[in-house]
């Protein structure tokens, strides 16, 4: 039995295989529409979600499986005081695989210690979001041809952005060496993560305040929103929420084949007139998440292309 709590739970070969399988499913979805017949996904979201929850639901249903669960912890026995461990133990009798999102960092790891079925981390606080990383990687491979070898700029909330934390580490593992970190000082990438990236993977990090300083040099622009829910007081959020916004004017000197990504939801960090630019791929990115999550579910359940001979 395998869990996916953080990207490091899978080897690089396994990650690339998931990406390639997701692309195959994207190209021929009908070939996979019955592989989870009779299987059940438990969708346990202790924190609000749109794309992650519904893309997992869609992924399971597209493969012929069923979905149970909740999108609001107040509708579960957690509100009565039930422990996470007990919830997970019980769900093991009702489902074949669990995807969970939780506001507390480390909660999915804890859940995996009590689970009799595979656990997928759908995001835990500001810590990890491994399936968003898979979504990002399949998008990069679809539009850029390869996962590694690109110059990447991460822009916005790099301190609390779990999507950034998961993706930048994984891209470094794949051999990407050049990253620009575009953020206000208050939202810079955590120092511990920066040290790990430099010491373990030998990457080059350059911190800048304005996107215009680097826009001509990058192959991938990864935007993030300023996350109100990660701040301890509203004043700090209000001070920073409009710090960064991508407009047509700001990207006019960017490479023609640069791609603009965003894990969504968007608030106001990308102007709506950028949506029509050929370099904007964030909605296609959301679509690709369904197919790579189909591949992940199939792998953890050992069905379809991952069925044991």
Protein backbone atom coordinates (compact mmCIF):
# COMPACT_ATOMS: atom_id res chain seq x y z
CA UNK A 1 0.00 0.00 0.00
CA UNK A 2 1.28 3.46 -0.93
CA UNK A 3 0.37 6.96 0.26
CA UNK A 4 1.09 10.33 -1.37
CA UNK A 5 1.75 12.80 1.44
CA UNK A 6 4.53 14.77 -0.22
CA UNK A 7 6.14 14.58 -3.68
CA UNK A 8 9.22 12.85 -2.22
CA UNK A 9 7.07 9.79 -1.52
CA UNK A 10 7.48 8.94 -5.23
CA UNK A 11 10.69 8.57 -7.19
CA UNK A 12 11.36 10.83 -10.15
CA UNK A 13 10.71 7.88 -12.43
CA UNK A 14 7.32 7.28 -10.81
CA UNK A 15 6.39 10.96 -11.05
CA UNK A 16 7.29 11.13 -14.74
CA UNK A 17 5.37 7.90 -15.35
CA UNK A 18 2.29 9.47 -13.71
CA UNK A 19 2.68 12.55 -15.91
CA UNK A 20 3.01 10.43 -19.06
CA UNK A 21 0.06 8.23 -18.07
CA UNK A 22 -2.01 11.36 -17.43
CA UNK A 23 -1.18 12.62 -20.91
CA UNK A 24 -2.23 9.27 -22.39
CA UNK A 25 -5.54 9.47 -20.52
CA UNK A 26 -6.00 13.05 -21.75
CA UNK A 27 -5.53 11.88 -25.33
CA UNK A 28 -7.73 8.76 -25.04
CA UNK A 29 -10.06 9.08 -22.02
CA UNK A 30 -12.47 6.39 -23.21
CA UNK A 31 -9.81 3.73 -22.76
CA UNK A 32 -9.91 4.32 -19.01
CA UNK A 33 -13.60 4.89 -18.28
CA UNK A 34 -14.26 1.56 -16.51
CA UNK A 35 -10.98 0.80 -14.71
CA UNK A 36 -12.30 1.86 -11.27
CA UNK A 37 -15.66 0.14 -11.57
CA UNK A 38 -16.73 -0.87 -8.06
CA UNK A 39 -14.11 1.31 -6.32
CA UNK A 40 -14.93 4.15 -3.90
CA UNK A 41 -13.03 7.38 -3.25
CA UNK A 42 -13.56 9.05 0.15
CA UNK A 43 -13.24 12.81 -0.29
CA UNK A 44 -12.53 14.32 3.15
CA UNK A 45 -12.12 18.08 2.94
CA UNK A 46 -11.70 19.76 6.32
CA UNK A 47 -10.91 23.00 4.46
CA UNK A 48 -12.72 24.60 1.49
CA UNK A 49 -11.72 23.59 -2.03
CA UNK A 50 -13.08 23.82 -5.54
CA UNK A 51 -10.51 22.52 -8.02
CA UNK A 52 -8.81 19.88 -5.88
CA UNK A 53 -12.02 18.36 -4.53
CA UNK A 54 -14.00 18.38 -7.74
CA UNK A 55 -11.10 17.32 -9.94
CA UNK A 56 -10.65 14.25 -7.73
CA UNK A 57 -14.39 13.58 -7.80
CA UNK A 58 -14.38 13.98 -11.58
CA UNK A 59 -11.29 11.79 -11.95
CA UNK A 60 -12.84 8.92 -10.00
CA UNK A 61 -16.19 9.16 -11.75
CA UNK A 62 -14.57 9.31 -15.20
CA UNK A 63 -12.98 5.94 -14.41
CA UNK A 64 -16.29 4.39 -13.36
CA UNK A 65 -15.79 4.72 -9.61
CA UNK A 66 -17.93 6.33 -6.92
CA UNK A 67 -17.31 9.15 -4.45
CA UNK A 68 -18.38 9.67 -0.84
CA UNK A 69 -17.28 12.25 1.71
CA UNK A 70 -17.75 15.84 2.80
CA UNK A 71 -16.63 19.34 1.81
CA UNK A 72 -17.25 20.89 5.23
CA UNK A 73 -15.87 19.39 8.44
CA UNK A 74 -18.88 20.81 10.31
CA UNK A 75 -21.02 18.16 8.61
CA UNK A 76 -18.81 15.35 9.95
CA UNK A 77 -18.35 13.83 13.41
CA UNK A 78 -15.29 16.03 13.82
CA UNK A 79 -17.75 18.66 15.05
CA UNK A 80 -18.70 16.24 17.82
CA UNK A 81 -15.08 15.89 18.85
CA UNK A 82 -14.09 12.74 16.97
CA UNK A 83 -10.34 12.41 16.45
CA UNK A 84 -8.81 12.39 13.00
CA UNK A 85 -7.38 8.94 13.71
CA UNK A 86 -10.82 7.48 14.42
CA UNK A 87 -12.34 9.15 11.34
CA UNK A 88 -9.65 7.61 9.16
CA UNK A 89 -9.97 4.17 10.72
CA UNK A 90 -13.73 4.13 10.04
CA UNK A 91 -13.39 5.42 6.47
CA UNK A 92 -11.14 2.47 5.72
CA UNK A 93 -14.24 0.25 5.93
CA UNK A 94 -16.23 2.45 3.54
CA UNK A 95 -13.81 3.31 0.74
CA UNK A 96 -10.77 2.10 -1.20
CA UNK A 97 -8.75 5.34 -1.25
CA UNK A 98 -8.93 8.64 0.66
CA UNK A 99 -8.08 12.15 -0.49
CA UNK A 100 -8.03 14.66 2.34
CA UNK A 101 -7.37 18.36 2.79
CA UNK A 102 -6.72 19.73 6.24
CA UNK A 103 -5.78 23.17 7.59
CA UNK A 104 -3.21 21.67 10.00
CA UNK A 105 0.22 20.90 8.62
CA UNK A 106 1.08 17.23 9.00
CA UNK A 107 -2.52 16.03 9.33
CA UNK A 108 -2.40 13.78 6.22
CA UNK A 109 0.86 12.25 7.49
CA UNK A 110 -0.84 11.49 10.79
CA UNK A 111 -3.84 10.04 8.96
CA UNK A 112 -1.62 7.70 6.95
CA UNK A 113 -0.37 6.14 10.19
CA UNK A 114 -3.90 4.99 11.04
CA UNK A 115 -5.22 4.19 7.58
CA UNK A 116 -5.82 0.76 6.11
CA UNK A 117 -6.21 2.28 2.61
CA UNK A 118 -4.10 4.74 0.56
CA UNK A 119 -4.14 8.38 1.67
CA UNK A 120 -3.65 11.25 -0.79
CA UNK A 121 -2.73 14.66 0.61
CA UNK A 122 -5.00 17.25 -1.00
CA UNK A 123 -3.19 20.08 0.81
CA UNK A 124 -2.22 20.58 4.44
CA UNK A 125 -2.01 24.16 5.67
CA UNK A 126 0.93 26.02 4.16
CA UNK A 127 2.99 22.83 3.96
CA UNK A 128 2.48 20.57 0.92
CA UNK A 129 0.18 20.10 -2.06
CA UNK A 130 1.63 17.15 -3.99
CA UNK A 131 -1.24 16.60 -6.43
CA UNK A 132 -1.09 20.25 -7.46
CA UNK A 133 2.57 19.59 -8.18
CA UNK A 134 1.58 16.69 -10.43
CA UNK A 135 -0.94 19.00 -12.11
CA UNK A 136 1.78 21.60 -12.65
CA UNK A 137 4.24 19.07 -14.04
CA UNK A 138 1.80 17.58 -16.54
CA UNK A 139 0.97 21.11 -17.70
CA UNK A 140 4.63 21.97 -18.11
CA UNK A 141 5.30 18.80 -20.09
CA UNK A 142 2.26 19.35 -22.30
CA UNK A 143 3.15 22.94 -23.20
CA UNK A 144 6.97 22.94 -22.92
CA UNK A 145 7.75 19.36 -23.95
CA UNK A 146 9.95 18.54 -20.95
CA UNK A 147 9.66 18.87 -17.18
CA UNK A 148 13.15 20.18 -16.52
CA UNK A 149 15.62 22.66 -18.00
CA UNK A 150 13.46 25.79 -17.81
CA UNK A 151 13.98 29.14 -16.13
CA UNK A 152 11.08 29.61 -13.73
CA UNK A 153 9.75 32.65 -11.88
CA UNK A 154 7.51 32.15 -8.86
CA UNK A 155 5.56 35.30 -8.08
CA UNK A 156 3.33 36.37 -5.18
CA UNK A 157 2.94 34.58 -1.85
CA UNK A 158 6.02 32.40 -1.60
CA UNK A 159 5.98 32.18 2.19
CA UNK A 160 2.62 30.48 2.70
CA UNK A 161 2.06 29.09 -0.80
CA UNK A 162 2.09 25.30 -0.40
CA UNK A 163 1.84 24.87 -4.17
CA UNK A 164 5.12 26.76 -4.57
CA UNK A 165 6.84 24.80 -1.80
CA UNK A 166 5.95 21.45 -3.37
CA UNK A 167 6.66 22.43 -6.98
CA UNK A 168 9.98 24.21 -6.55
CA UNK A 169 11.43 21.27 -4.60
CA UNK A 170 10.22 18.79 -7.19
CA UNK A 171 11.52 20.81 -10.13
CA UNK A 172 14.87 21.05 -8.34
CA UNK A 173 14.84 17.26 -7.95
CA UNK A 174 14.31 17.00 -11.71
CA UNK A 175 17.38 19.17 -12.32
CA UNK A 176 15.94 22.64 -12.92
CA UNK A 177 18.62 25.08 -11.77
CA UNK A 178 17.40 28.65 -12.33
CA UNK A 179 14.59 30.21 -10.30
CA UNK A 180 13.50 33.80 -9.81
CA UNK A 181 11.57 34.52 -6.60
CA UNK A 182 9.34 37.57 -7.04
CA UNK A 183 7.63 38.69 -3.85
CA UNK A 184 7.44 41.39 -1.21
CA UNK A 185 9.91 40.95 1.63
CA UNK A 186 7.14 39.83 3.99
CA UNK A 187 6.19 36.91 1.70
CA UNK A 188 9.56 35.56 0.65
CA UNK A 189 10.29 31.85 0.37
CA UNK A 190 11.15 30.42 3.81
CA UNK A 191 14.87 30.48 4.56
CA UNK A 192 14.97 26.77 5.45
CA UNK A 193 13.57 25.85 2.05
CA UNK A 194 15.99 28.16 0.26
CA UNK A 195 18.92 26.55 2.07
CA UNK A 196 17.69 23.09 1.14
CA UNK A 197 17.33 24.04 -2.52
CA UNK A 198 20.83 25.48 -2.70
CA UNK A 199 22.68 22.96 -0.51
CA UNK A 200 20.95 19.77 -1.68
CA UNK A 201 20.16 20.53 -5.32
CA UNK A 202 22.61 23.29 -6.23
CA UNK A 203 20.01 25.63 -7.65
CA UNK A 204 20.44 29.32 -8.35
CA UNK A 205 17.87 31.53 -6.62
CA UNK A 206 17.49 35.23 -7.33
CA UNK A 207 15.06 37.27 -5.25
CA UNK A 208 13.55 40.34 -6.86
CA UNK A 209 10.71 42.69 -6.00
CA UNK A 210 9.40 43.53 -9.45
CA UNK A 211 8.42 41.07 -12.16
CA UNK A 212 9.52 43.51 -14.87
CA UNK A 213 13.13 42.95 -13.76
CA UNK A 214 13.12 39.36 -15.02
CA UNK A 215 10.18 38.94 -17.40
CA UNK A 216 12.38 38.73 -20.51
CA UNK A 217 14.43 35.85 -19.11
CA UNK A 218 11.83 33.33 -18.02
CA UNK A 219 10.22 30.31 -19.64
CA UNK A 220 7.53 29.73 -17.00
CA UNK A 221 5.77 32.34 -14.86
CA UNK A 222 4.04 30.74 -11.88
CA UNK A 223 1.64 33.19 -10.24
CA UNK A 224 0.07 32.78 -6.80
CA UNK A 225 -2.54 34.77 -4.91
CA UNK A 226 -1.93 36.56 -1.65
CA UNK A 227 -3.74 34.15 0.71
CA UNK A 228 -5.94 35.95 3.21
CA UNK A 229 -6.55 32.76 5.20
CA UNK A 230 -2.84 32.37 6.00
CA UNK A 231 -2.53 35.76 7.74
CA UNK A 232 -2.93 36.27 11.46
CA UNK A 233 -4.34 39.77 11.07
CA UNK A 234 -6.26 41.50 8.30
CA UNK A 235 -4.07 44.62 8.31
CA UNK A 236 -1.05 42.70 7.03
CA UNK A 237 -3.18 41.09 4.33
CA UNK A 238 -4.66 44.39 3.16
CA UNK A 239 -1.21 45.93 2.97
CA UNK A 240 0.05 43.23 0.62
CA UNK A 241 -2.96 41.94 -1.32
CA UNK A 242 -2.45 44.23 -4.32
CA UNK A 243 1.33 43.92 -4.38
CA UNK A 244 1.51 42.03 -7.66
CA UNK A 245 -0.65 41.94 -10.72
CA UNK A 246 0.19 40.59 -14.17
CA UNK A 247 -1.08 42.77 -16.99
CA UNK A 248 -0.60 42.75 -20.76
CA UNK A 249 1.78 45.67 -20.35
CA UNK A 250 4.00 43.74 -17.93
CA UNK A 251 4.37 40.71 -20.22
CA UNK A 252 4.77 42.52 -23.55
CA UNK A 253 8.53 41.83 -23.59
CA UNK A 254 8.22 38.21 -22.43
CA UNK A 255 9.23 35.30 -24.66
CA UNK A 256 6.53 34.28 -27.17
CA UNK A 257 6.61 30.71 -25.84
CA UNK A 258 6.64 31.59 -22.15
CA UNK A 259 3.70 30.08 -20.28
CA UNK A 260 1.76 31.69 -17.43
CA UNK A 261 0.55 29.27 -14.78
CA UNK A 262 -1.59 29.70 -11.66
CA UNK A 263 -2.96 27.02 -9.29
CA UNK A 264 -6.14 29.11 -8.90
CA UNK A 265 -8.30 30.55 -7.46
CA UNK A 266 -7.36 33.90 -8.92
CA UNK A 267 -8.29 37.02 -6.99
CA UNK A 268 -6.76 40.03 -8.72
CA UNK A 269 -3.17 38.99 -9.44
CA UNK A 270 -3.78 38.38 -13.16
CA UNK A 271 -5.76 40.89 -15.19
CA UNK A 272 -8.68 39.38 -17.08
CA UNK A 273 -7.39 40.67 -20.43
CA UNK A 274 -4.37 38.36 -20.00
CA UNK A 275 -6.71 35.35 -20.33
CA UNK A 276 -6.77 35.82 -24.12
CA UNK A 277 -2.98 35.80 -24.41
CA UNK A 278 -1.67 32.57 -25.98
CA UNK A 279 0.82 32.26 -23.12
CA UNK A 280 -1.89 31.99 -20.47
CA UNK A 281 -2.44 28.28 -19.70
CA UNK A 282 -3.90 28.36 -16.16
CA UNK A 283 -7.33 27.10 -17.17
CA UNK A 284 -5.80 24.28 -19.21
CA UNK A 285 -3.63 23.63 -16.13
CA UNK A 286 -6.78 23.10 -14.08
CA UNK A 287 -8.10 20.71 -16.73
CA UNK A 288 -4.90 18.66 -16.77
CA UNK A 289 -5.27 18.10 -13.03
CA UNK A 290 -8.16 15.73 -13.68
CA UNK A 291 -6.08 13.45 -15.91
CA UNK A 292 -3.01 13.25 -13.72
CA UNK A 293 -5.23 12.56 -10.69
CA UNK A 294 -6.85 9.76 -12.69
CA UNK A 295 -3.37 8.32 -13.19
CA UNK A 296 -2.57 8.70 -9.48
CA UNK A 297 -5.76 6.97 -8.33
CA UNK A 298 -5.13 4.14 -10.79
CA UNK A 299 -1.59 3.73 -9.47
CA UNK A 300 -2.61 3.65 -5.80
CA UNK A 301 -5.47 1.21 -6.51
CA UNK A 302 -3.32 -0.83 -8.91
CA UNK A 303 -5.90 -0.79 -11.70
CA UNK A 304 -5.82 -0.08 -15.44
CA UNK A 305 -2.26 0.60 -16.61
CA UNK A 306 -0.99 -0.16 -13.10
CA UNK A 307 -2.82 -3.48 -12.66
CA UNK A 308 -0.57 -6.29 -11.55
CA UNK A 309 -0.13 -8.90 -14.23
